[in-house]
PDB file of N, CA and C in Angstrom:
ATOM      1  N   UNK A   1      14.283   2.125   7.582  1.00  0.00           N
ATOM      2  CA  UNK A   1      13.616   2.247   8.852  1.00  0.00           C
ATOM      3  C   UNK A   1      13.970   3.585   9.489  1.00  0.00           C
ATOM      4  N   UNK A   2      13.087   4.062  10.332  1.00  0.00           N
ATOM      5  CA  UNK A   2      13.221   5.353  11.011  1.00  0.00           C
ATOM      6  C   UNK A   2      13.392   6.484  10.005  1.00  0.00           C
ATOM      7  N   UNK A   3      12.403   6.607   9.136  1.00  0.00           N
ATOM      8  CA  UNK A   3      12.375   7.700   8.164  1.00  0.00           C
ATOM      9  C   UNK A   3      11.341   8.731   8.611  1.00  0.00           C
ATOM     10  N   UNK A   4      11.409   9.910   8.041  1.00  0.00           N
ATOM     11  CA  UNK A   4      10.424  10.949   8.332  1.00  0.00           C
ATOM     12  C   UNK A   4       9.099  10.560   7.687  1.00  0.00           C
ATOM     13  N   UNK A   5       8.021  10.719   8.439  1.00  0.00           N
ATOM     14  CA  UNK A   5       6.683  10.407   7.948  1.00  0.00           C
ATOM     15  C   UNK A   5       5.833  11.662   8.087  1.00  0.00           C
ATOM     16  N   UNK A   6       4.980  11.923   7.097  1.00  0.00           N
ATOM     17  CA  UNK A   6       4.199  13.155   7.142  1.00  0.00           C
ATOM     18  C   UNK A   6       3.119  13.132   8.216  1.00  0.00           C
ATOM     19  N   UNK A   7       2.826  11.976   8.788  1.00  0.00           N
ATOM     20  CA  UNK A   7       1.807  11.879   9.826  1.00  0.00           C
ATOM     21  C   UNK A   7       2.381  11.878  11.243  1.00  0.00           C
ATOM     22  N   UNK A   8       3.676  11.795  11.369  1.00  0.00           N
ATOM     23  CA  UNK A   8       4.323  11.793  12.689  1.00  0.00           C
ATOM     24  C   UNK A   8       5.154  13.060  12.834  1.00  0.00           C
ATOM     25  N   UNK A   9       5.318  13.500  14.048  1.00  0.00           N
ATOM     26  CA  UNK A   9       6.206  14.633  14.316  1.00  0.00           C
ATOM     27  C   UNK A   9       7.612  14.091  14.518  1.00  0.00           C
ATOM     28  N   UNK A  10       8.348  13.981  13.437  1.00  0.00           N
ATOM     29  CA  UNK A  10       9.697  13.433  13.510  1.00  0.00           C
ATOM     30  C   UNK A  10       9.795  12.112  12.785  1.00  0.00           C
ATOM     31  N   UNK A  11      10.653  11.240  13.309  1.00  0.00           N
ATOM     32  CA  UNK A  11      10.897   9.968  12.659  1.00  0.00           C
ATOM     33  C   UNK A  11       9.896   8.908  13.105  1.00  0.00           C
ATOM     34  N   UNK A  12       9.560   8.022  12.179  1.00  0.00           N
ATOM     35  CA  UNK A  12       8.646   6.913  12.492  1.00  0.00           C
ATOM     36  C   UNK A  12       9.426   5.605  12.367  1.00  0.00           C
ATOM     37  N   UNK A  13       9.322   4.703  13.349  1.00  0.00           N
ATOM     38  CA  UNK A  13      10.065   3.442  13.275  1.00  0.00           C
ATOM     39  C   UNK A  13       9.543   2.494  12.200  1.00  0.00           C
ATOM     40  N   UNK A  14       8.370   2.765  11.646  1.00  0.00           N
ATOM     41  CA  UNK A  14       7.785   1.883  10.637  1.00  0.00           C
ATOM     42  C   UNK A  14       7.934   2.423   9.218  1.00  0.00           C
ATOM     43  N   UNK A  15       8.425   3.631   9.056  1.00  0.00           N
ATOM     44  CA  UNK A  15       8.579   4.242   7.740  1.00  0.00           C
ATOM     45  C   UNK A  15       9.910   3.841   7.111  1.00  0.00           C
ATOM     46  N   UNK A  16       9.863   3.563   5.816  1.00  0.00           N
ATOM     47  CA  UNK A  16      11.066   3.220   5.051  1.00  0.00           C
ATOM     48  C   UNK A  16      10.934   3.798   3.648  1.00  0.00           C
ATOM     49  N   UNK A  17      12.059   4.054   3.010  1.00  0.00           N
ATOM     50  CA  UNK A  17      12.064   4.640   1.677  1.00  0.00           C
ATOM     51  C   UNK A  17      12.569   3.626   0.662  1.00  0.00           C
ATOM     52  N   UNK A  18      11.914   3.594  -0.502  1.00  0.00           N
ATOM     53  CA  UNK A  18      12.316   2.704  -1.591  1.00  0.00           C
ATOM     54  C   UNK A  18      11.862   3.311  -2.913  1.00  0.00           C
ATOM     55  N   UNK A  19      12.491   2.889  -3.998  1.00  0.00           N
ATOM     56  CA  UNK A  19      12.069   3.338  -5.325  1.00  0.00           C
ATOM     57  C   UNK A  19      11.082   2.363  -5.953  1.00  0.00           C
ATOM     58  N   UNK A  20      10.650   1.346  -5.216  1.00  0.00           N
ATOM     59  CA  UNK A  20       9.696   0.364  -5.729  1.00  0.00           C
ATOM     60  C   UNK A  20       8.332   1.019  -5.960  1.00  0.00           C
ATOM     61  N   UNK A  21       7.751   0.743  -7.128  1.00  0.00           N
ATOM     62  CA  UNK A  21       6.427   1.244  -7.469  1.00  0.00           C
ATOM     63  C   UNK A  21       5.463   0.068  -7.543  1.00  0.00           C
ATOM     64  N   UNK A  22       4.530  -0.074  -6.593  1.00  0.00           N
ATOM     65  CA  UNK A  22       3.615  -1.212  -6.587  1.00  0.00           C
ATOM     66  C   UNK A  22       2.705  -1.270  -7.823  1.00  0.00           C
ATOM     67  N   UNK A  23       2.426  -0.130  -8.428  1.00  0.00           N
ATOM     68  CA  UNK A  23       1.553  -0.115  -9.597  1.00  0.00           C
ATOM     69  C   UNK A  23       2.187  -0.805 -10.802  1.00  0.00           C
ATOM     70  N   UNK A  24       3.499  -0.674 -10.945  1.00  0.00           N
ATOM     71  CA  UNK A  24       4.183  -1.252 -12.108  1.00  0.00           C
ATOM     72  C   UNK A  24       5.124  -2.400 -11.742  1.00  0.00           C
ATOM     73  N   UNK A  25       5.302  -2.661 -10.474  1.00  0.00           N
ATOM     74  CA  UNK A  25       6.213  -3.697  -9.968  1.00  0.00           C
ATOM     75  C   UNK A  25       7.645  -3.489 -10.442  1.00  0.00           C
ATOM     76  N   UNK A  26       8.085  -2.242 -10.469  1.00  0.00           N
ATOM     77  CA  UNK A  26       9.445  -1.916 -10.883  1.00  0.00           C
ATOM     78  C   UNK A  26      10.138  -1.082  -9.812  1.00  0.00           C
ATOM     79  N   UNK A  27      11.450  -1.027  -9.895  1.00  0.00           N
ATOM     80  CA  UNK A  27      12.260  -0.240  -8.967  1.00  0.00           C
ATOM     81  C   UNK A  27      12.817   1.004  -9.640  1.00  0.00           C
ATOM     82  N   UNK A  28      12.073   1.588 -10.543  1.00  0.00           N
ATOM     83  CA  UNK A  28      12.530   2.782 -11.255  1.00  0.00           C
ATOM     84  C   UNK A  28      11.722   3.983 -10.804  1.00  0.00           C
ATOM     85  N   UNK A  29      12.327   5.146 -10.907  1.00  0.00           N
ATOM     86  CA  UNK A  29      11.586   6.363 -10.602  1.00  0.00           C
ATOM     87  C   UNK A  29      11.979   6.996  -9.283  1.00  0.00           C
ATOM     88  N   UNK A  30      11.074   7.789  -8.771  1.00  0.00           N
ATOM     89  CA  UNK A  30      11.312   8.542  -7.542  1.00  0.00           C
ATOM     90  C   UNK A  30      11.192   7.657  -6.310  1.00  0.00           C
ATOM     91  N   UNK A  31      11.911   8.016  -5.243  1.00  0.00           N
ATOM     92  CA  UNK A  31      11.761   7.239  -3.998  1.00  0.00           C
ATOM     93  C   UNK A  31      10.427   7.543  -3.323  1.00  0.00           C
ATOM     94  N   UNK A  32       9.812   6.511  -2.773  1.00  0.00           N
ATOM     95  CA  UNK A  32       8.556   6.626  -2.046  1.00  0.00           C
ATOM     96  C   UNK A  32       8.806   6.260  -0.585  1.00  0.00           C
ATOM     97  N   UNK A  33       7.989   6.823   0.308  1.00  0.00           N
ATOM     98  CA  UNK A  33       8.019   6.432   1.711  1.00  0.00           C
ATOM     99  C   UNK A  33       6.908   5.420   1.935  1.00  0.00           C
ATOM    100  N   UNK A  34       7.255   4.269   2.490  1.00  0.00           N
ATOM    101  CA  UNK A  34       6.299   3.190   2.745  1.00  0.00           C
ATOM    102  C   UNK A  34       6.059   3.049   4.237  1.00  0.00           C
ATOM    103  N   UNK A  35       4.840   2.618   4.602  1.00  0.00           N
ATOM    104  CA  UNK A  35       4.498   2.358   5.996  1.00  0.00           C
ATOM    105  C   UNK A  35       4.612   0.858   6.245  1.00  0.00           C
ATOM    106  N   UNK A  36       5.421   0.479   7.207  1.00  0.00           N
ATOM    107  CA  UNK A  36       5.625  -0.933   7.508  1.00  0.00           C
ATOM    108  C   UNK A  36       4.491  -1.567   8.290  1.00  0.00           C
ATOM    109  N   UNK A  37       3.596  -0.771   8.849  1.00  0.00           N
ATOM    110  CA  UNK A  37       2.463  -1.312   9.596  1.00  0.00           C
ATOM    111  C   UNK A  37       1.247  -1.535   8.709  1.00  0.00           C
ATOM    112  N   UNK A  38       1.126  -0.797   7.629  1.00  0.00           N
ATOM    113  CA  UNK A  38      -0.050  -0.871   6.763  1.00  0.00           C
ATOM    114  C   UNK A  38      -0.085  -2.186   5.990  1.00  0.00           C
ATOM    115  N   UNK A  39      -1.293  -2.681   5.739  1.00  0.00           N
ATOM    116  CA  UNK A  39      -1.463  -3.889   4.940  1.00  0.00           C
ATOM    117  C   UNK A  39      -2.150  -3.544   3.640  1.00  0.00           C
ATOM    118  N   UNK A  40      -2.068  -4.449   2.683  1.00  0.00           N
ATOM    119  CA  UNK A  40      -2.627  -4.216   1.360  1.00  0.00           C
ATOM    120  C   UNK A  40      -1.517  -4.246   0.333  1.00  0.00           C
ATOM    121  N   UNK A  41      -1.875  -4.049  -0.903  1.00  0.00           N
ATOM    122  CA  UNK A  41      -0.892  -4.142  -1.980  1.00  0.00           C
ATOM    123  C   UNK A  41      -0.071  -2.871  -2.144  1.00  0.00           C
ATOM    124  N   UNK A  42      -0.563  -1.749  -1.647  1.00  0.00           N
ATOM    125  CA  UNK A  42       0.148  -0.483  -1.793  1.00  0.00           C
ATOM    126  C   UNK A  42       0.242   0.184  -0.428  1.00  0.00           C
ATOM    127  N   UNK A  43       1.427   0.160   0.169  1.00  0.00           N
ATOM    128  CA  UNK A  43       1.627   0.694   1.515  1.00  0.00           C
ATOM    129  C   UNK A  43       2.350   2.028   1.519  1.00  0.00           C
ATOM    130  N   UNK A  44       2.290   2.741   0.393  1.00  0.00           N
ATOM    131  CA  UNK A  44       2.933   4.044   0.356  1.00  0.00           C
ATOM    132  C   UNK A  44       2.196   5.009   1.292  1.00  0.00           C
ATOM    133  N   UNK A  45       2.954   5.843   1.972  1.00  0.00           N
ATOM    134  CA  UNK A  45       2.358   6.811   2.892  1.00  0.00           C
ATOM    135  C   UNK A  45       1.458   7.773   2.125  1.00  0.00           C
ATOM    136  N   UNK A  46       1.795   8.075   0.879  1.00  0.00           N
ATOM    137  CA  UNK A  46       0.980   8.989   0.081  1.00  0.00           C
ATOM    138  C   UNK A  46      -0.406   8.419  -0.213  1.00  0.00           C
ATOM    139  N   UNK A  47      -0.590   7.103  -0.109  1.00  0.00           N
ATOM    140  CA  UNK A  47      -1.879   6.469  -0.349  1.00  0.00           C
ATOM    141  C   UNK A  47      -2.747   6.398   0.906  1.00  0.00           C
ATOM    142  N   UNK A  48      -2.171   6.696   2.065  1.00  0.00           N
ATOM    143  CA  UNK A  48      -2.909   6.645   3.331  1.00  0.00           C
ATOM    144  C   UNK A  48      -3.625   7.971   3.593  1.00  0.00           C
ATOM    145  N   UNK A  49      -4.855   7.902   4.105  1.00  0.00           N
ATOM    146  CA  UNK A  49      -5.595   9.112   4.456  1.00  0.00           C
ATOM    147  C   UNK A  49      -5.085   9.721   5.752  1.00  0.00           C
ATOM    148  N   UNK A  50      -4.628   8.872   6.663  1.00  0.00           N
ATOM    149  CA  UNK A  50      -4.038   9.312   7.919  1.00  0.00           C
ATOM    150  C   UNK A  50      -3.144   8.193   8.433  1.00  0.00           C
ATOM    151  N   UNK A  51      -2.509   8.431   9.559  1.00  0.00           N
ATOM    152  CA  UNK A  51      -1.594   7.434  10.120  1.00  0.00           C
ATOM    153  C   UNK A  51      -2.318   6.122  10.381  1.00  0.00           C
ATOM    154  N   UNK A  52      -1.664   5.007  10.079  1.00  0.00           N
ATOM    155  CA  UNK A  52      -2.251   3.677  10.269  1.00  0.00           C
ATOM    156  C   UNK A  52      -2.659   3.452  11.722  1.00  0.00           C
ATOM    157  N   UNK A  53      -1.890   3.978  12.665  1.00  0.00           N
ATOM    158  CA  UNK A  53      -2.202   3.828  14.089  1.00  0.00           C
ATOM    159  C   UNK A  53      -3.490   4.565  14.471  1.00  0.00           C
ATOM    160  N   UNK A  54      -3.809   5.632  13.740  1.00  0.00           N
ATOM    161  CA  UNK A  54      -4.986   6.444  14.051  1.00  0.00           C
ATOM    162  C   UNK A  54      -6.246   5.978  13.323  1.00  0.00           C
ATOM    163  N   UNK A  55      -6.118   5.008  12.428  1.00  0.00           N
ATOM    164  CA  UNK A  55      -7.270   4.506  11.674  1.00  0.00           C
ATOM    165  C   UNK A  55      -8.060   3.496  12.505  1.00  0.00           C
ATOM    166  N   UNK A  56      -9.373   3.487  12.273  1.00  0.00           N
ATOM    167  CA  UNK A  56     -10.206   2.461  12.903  1.00  0.00           C
ATOM    168  C   UNK A  56     -10.051   1.157  12.120  1.00  0.00           C
ATOM    169  N   UNK A  57     -10.573   0.076  12.663  1.00  0.00           N
ATOM    170  CA  UNK A  57     -10.473  -1.219  11.982  1.00  0.00           C
ATOM    171  C   UNK A  57     -11.184  -1.175  10.626  1.00  0.00           C
ATOM    172  N   UNK A  58     -12.306  -0.500  10.561  1.00  0.00           N
ATOM    173  CA  UNK A  58     -13.041  -0.372   9.306  1.00  0.00           C
ATOM    174  C   UNK A  58     -12.271   0.410   8.257  1.00  0.00           C
ATOM    175  N   UNK A  59     -11.605   1.483   8.680  1.00  0.00           N
ATOM    176  CA  UNK A  59     -10.796   2.277   7.749  1.00  0.00           C
ATOM    177  C   UNK A  59      -9.611   1.478   7.228  1.00  0.00           C
ATOM    178  N   UNK A  60      -9.006   0.680   8.095  1.00  0.00           N
ATOM    179  CA  UNK A  60      -7.876  -0.152   7.676  1.00  0.00           C
ATOM    180  C   UNK A  60      -8.314  -1.191   6.656  1.00  0.00           C
ATOM    181  N   UNK A  61      -9.456  -1.829   6.916  1.00  0.00           N
ATOM    182  CA  UNK A  61      -9.976  -2.843   5.997  1.00  0.00           C
ATOM    183  C   UNK A  61     -10.301  -2.222   4.649  1.00  0.00           C
ATOM    184  N   UNK A  62     -10.941  -1.065   4.660  1.00  0.00           N
ATOM    185  CA  UNK A  62     -11.293  -0.388   3.408  1.00  0.00           C
ATOM    186  C   UNK A  62     -10.037  -0.044   2.610  1.00  0.00           C
ATOM    187  N   UNK A  63      -9.011   0.481   3.288  1.00  0.00           N
ATOM    188  CA  UNK A  63      -7.756   0.825   2.606  1.00  0.00           C
ATOM    189  C   UNK A  63      -7.115  -0.423   1.987  1.00  0.00           C
ATOM    190  N   UNK A  64      -7.048  -1.495   2.745  1.00  0.00           N
ATOM    191  CA  UNK A  64      -6.420  -2.725   2.248  1.00  0.00           C
ATOM    192  C   UNK A  64      -7.144  -3.267   1.023  1.00  0.00           C
ATOM    193  N   UNK A  65      -8.463  -3.307   1.068  1.00  0.00           N
ATOM    194  CA  UNK A  65      -9.238  -3.837  -0.056  1.00  0.00           C
ATOM    195  C   UNK A  65      -9.127  -2.962  -1.296  1.00  0.00           C
ATOM    196  N   UNK A  66      -9.246  -1.648  -1.125  1.00  0.00           N
ATOM    197  CA  UNK A  66      -9.220  -0.768  -2.294  1.00  0.00           C
ATOM    198  C   UNK A  66      -7.838  -0.712  -2.942  1.00  0.00           C
ATOM    199  N   UNK A  67      -6.773  -0.669  -2.141  1.00  0.00           N
ATOM    200  CA  UNK A  67      -5.441  -0.617  -2.746  1.00  0.00           C
ATOM    201  C   UNK A  67      -5.088  -1.941  -3.411  1.00  0.00           C
ATOM    202  N   UNK A  68      -5.463  -3.061  -2.793  1.00  0.00           N
ATOM    203  CA  UNK A  68      -5.185  -4.364  -3.406  1.00  0.00           C
ATOM    204  C   UNK A  68      -5.930  -4.495  -4.729  1.00  0.00           C
ATOM    205  N   UNK A  69      -7.189  -4.106  -4.758  1.00  0.00           N
ATOM    206  CA  UNK A  69      -7.966  -4.187  -5.997  1.00  0.00           C
ATOM    207  C   UNK A  69      -7.382  -3.300  -7.085  1.00  0.00           C
ATOM    208  N   UNK A  70      -6.977  -2.079  -6.729  1.00  0.00           N
ATOM    209  CA  UNK A  70      -6.412  -1.154  -7.717  1.00  0.00           C
ATOM    210  C   UNK A  70      -5.105  -1.676  -8.300  1.00  0.00           C
ATOM    211  N   UNK A  71      -4.214  -2.130  -7.439  1.00  0.00           N
ATOM    212  CA  UNK A  71      -2.902  -2.600  -7.900  1.00  0.00           C
ATOM    213  C   UNK A  71      -3.020  -3.893  -8.706  1.00  0.00           C
ATOM    214  N   UNK A  72      -3.817  -4.828  -8.232  1.00  0.00           N
ATOM    215  CA  UNK A  72      -3.944  -6.111  -8.930  1.00  0.00           C
ATOM    216  C   UNK A  72      -4.570  -5.944 -10.313  1.00  0.00           C
ATOM    217  N   UNK A  73      -5.567  -5.082 -10.449  1.00  0.00           N
ATOM    218  CA  UNK A  73      -6.172  -4.882 -11.769  1.00  0.00           C
ATOM    219  C   UNK A  73      -5.208  -4.172 -12.709  1.00  0.00           C
ATOM    220  N   UNK A  74      -4.387  -3.257 -12.189  1.00  0.00           N
ATOM    221  CA  UNK A  74      -3.376  -2.600 -13.027  1.00  0.00           C
ATOM    222  C   UNK A  74      -2.336  -3.584 -13.522  1.00  0.00           C
ATOM    223  N   UNK A  75      -2.070  -4.634 -12.744  1.00  0.00           N
ATOM    224  CA  UNK A  75      -1.072  -5.628 -13.126  1.00  0.00           C
ATOM    225  C   UNK A  75      -1.667  -6.755 -13.962  1.00  0.00           C
ATOM    226  N   UNK A  76      -2.952  -6.654 -14.310  1.00  0.00           N
ATOM    227  CA  UNK A  76      -3.561  -7.627 -15.209  1.00  0.00           C
ATOM    228  C   UNK A  76      -4.193  -8.832 -14.544  1.00  0.00           C
ATOM    229  N   UNK A  77      -4.596  -8.719 -13.296  1.00  0.00           N
ATOM    230  CA  UNK A  77      -5.255  -9.808 -12.576  1.00  0.00           C
ATOM    231  C   UNK A  77      -6.754  -9.544 -12.481  1.00  0.00           C
ATOM    232  N   UNK A  78      -7.535 -10.614 -12.379  1.00  0.00           N
ATOM    233  CA  UNK A  78      -8.968 -10.488 -12.133  1.00  0.00           C
ATOM    234  C   UNK A  78      -9.317 -11.260 -10.867  1.00  0.00           C
ATOM    235  N   UNK A  79     -10.360 -10.805 -10.197  1.00  0.00           N
ATOM    236  CA  UNK A  79     -10.802 -11.440  -8.967  1.00  0.00           C
ATOM    237  C   UNK A  79     -11.937 -12.405  -9.272  1.00  0.00           C
ATOM    238  N   UNK A  80     -11.769 -13.646  -8.855  1.00  0.00           N
ATOM    239  CA  UNK A  80     -12.830 -14.632  -8.975  1.00  0.00           C
ATOM    240  C   UNK A  80     -13.818 -14.371  -7.844  1.00  0.00           C
ATOM    241  N   UNK A  81     -15.065 -14.051  -8.207  1.00  0.00           N
ATOM    242  CA  UNK A  81     -16.064 -13.679  -7.208  1.00  0.00           C
ATOM    243  C   UNK A  81     -16.413 -14.814  -6.260  1.00  0.00           C
ATOM    244  N   UNK A  82     -16.293 -16.035  -6.726  1.00  0.00           N
ATOM    245  CA  UNK A  82     -16.717 -17.178  -5.918  1.00  0.00           C
ATOM    246  C   UNK A  82     -15.629 -17.668  -4.969  1.00  0.00           C
ATOM    247  N   UNK A  83     -14.393 -17.747  -5.460  1.00  0.00           N
ATOM    248  CA  UNK A  83     -13.309 -18.250  -4.616  1.00  0.00           C
ATOM    249  C   UNK A  83     -12.521 -17.135  -3.932  1.00  0.00           C
ATOM    250  N   UNK A  84     -12.777 -15.887  -4.325  1.00  0.00           N
ATOM    251  CA  UNK A  84     -12.089 -14.715  -3.760  1.00  0.00           C
ATOM    252  C   UNK A  84     -10.578 -14.792  -3.947  1.00  0.00           C
ATOM    253  N   UNK A  85     -10.156 -15.293  -5.103  1.00  0.00           N
ATOM    254  CA  UNK A  85      -8.734 -15.385  -5.417  1.00  0.00           C
ATOM    255  C   UNK A  85      -8.444 -14.594  -6.685  1.00  0.00           C
ATOM    256  N   UNK A  86      -7.210 -14.120  -6.794  1.00  0.00           N
ATOM    257  CA  UNK A  86      -6.786 -13.353  -7.966  1.00  0.00           C
ATOM    258  C   UNK A  86      -6.114 -14.296  -8.960  1.00  0.00           C
ATOM    259  N   UNK A  87      -6.366 -14.089 -10.254  1.00  0.00           N
ATOM    260  CA  UNK A  87      -5.684 -14.879 -11.272  1.00  0.00           C
ATOM    261  C   UNK A  87      -5.279 -13.973 -12.419  1.00  0.00           C
ATOM    262  N   UNK A  88      -4.174 -14.309 -13.040  1.00  0.00           N
ATOM    263  CA  UNK A  88      -3.610 -13.526 -14.138  1.00  0.00           C
ATOM    264  C   UNK A  88      -4.425 -13.740 -15.401  1.00  0.00           C
ATOM    265  N   UNK A  89      -4.795 -12.652 -16.063  1.00  0.00           N
ATOM    266  CA  UNK A  89      -5.515 -12.728 -17.340  1.00  0.00           C
ATOM    267  C   UNK A  89      -4.476 -12.893 -18.434  1.00  0.00           C
ATOM    268  N   UNK A  90      -4.658 -13.897 -19.247  1.00  0.00           N
ATOM    269  CA  UNK A  90      -3.682 -14.163 -20.317  1.00  0.00           C
ATOM    270  C   UNK A  90      -3.977 -13.416 -21.565  1.00  0.00           C
TER     271      UNK A  90
END
């Protein structure tokens, strides 16, 4: 908490650093800065177009849907079009 964020001038109370990679579900590699306010499967600051506070509701929804779809498909899940639920492909 209270890490430097590229969208804020100084420290952000919602920014945190971790080595967790949402694409691979592992804790290996370089540290990433995550936004604690952002929703979706990938909340890395590098994946945001601008600060979450400055986004409109439509931009937030688009970000959440696209990152969730990208991460879930990389992890081997498919979306059921009718029930709108994710399931693991065996």
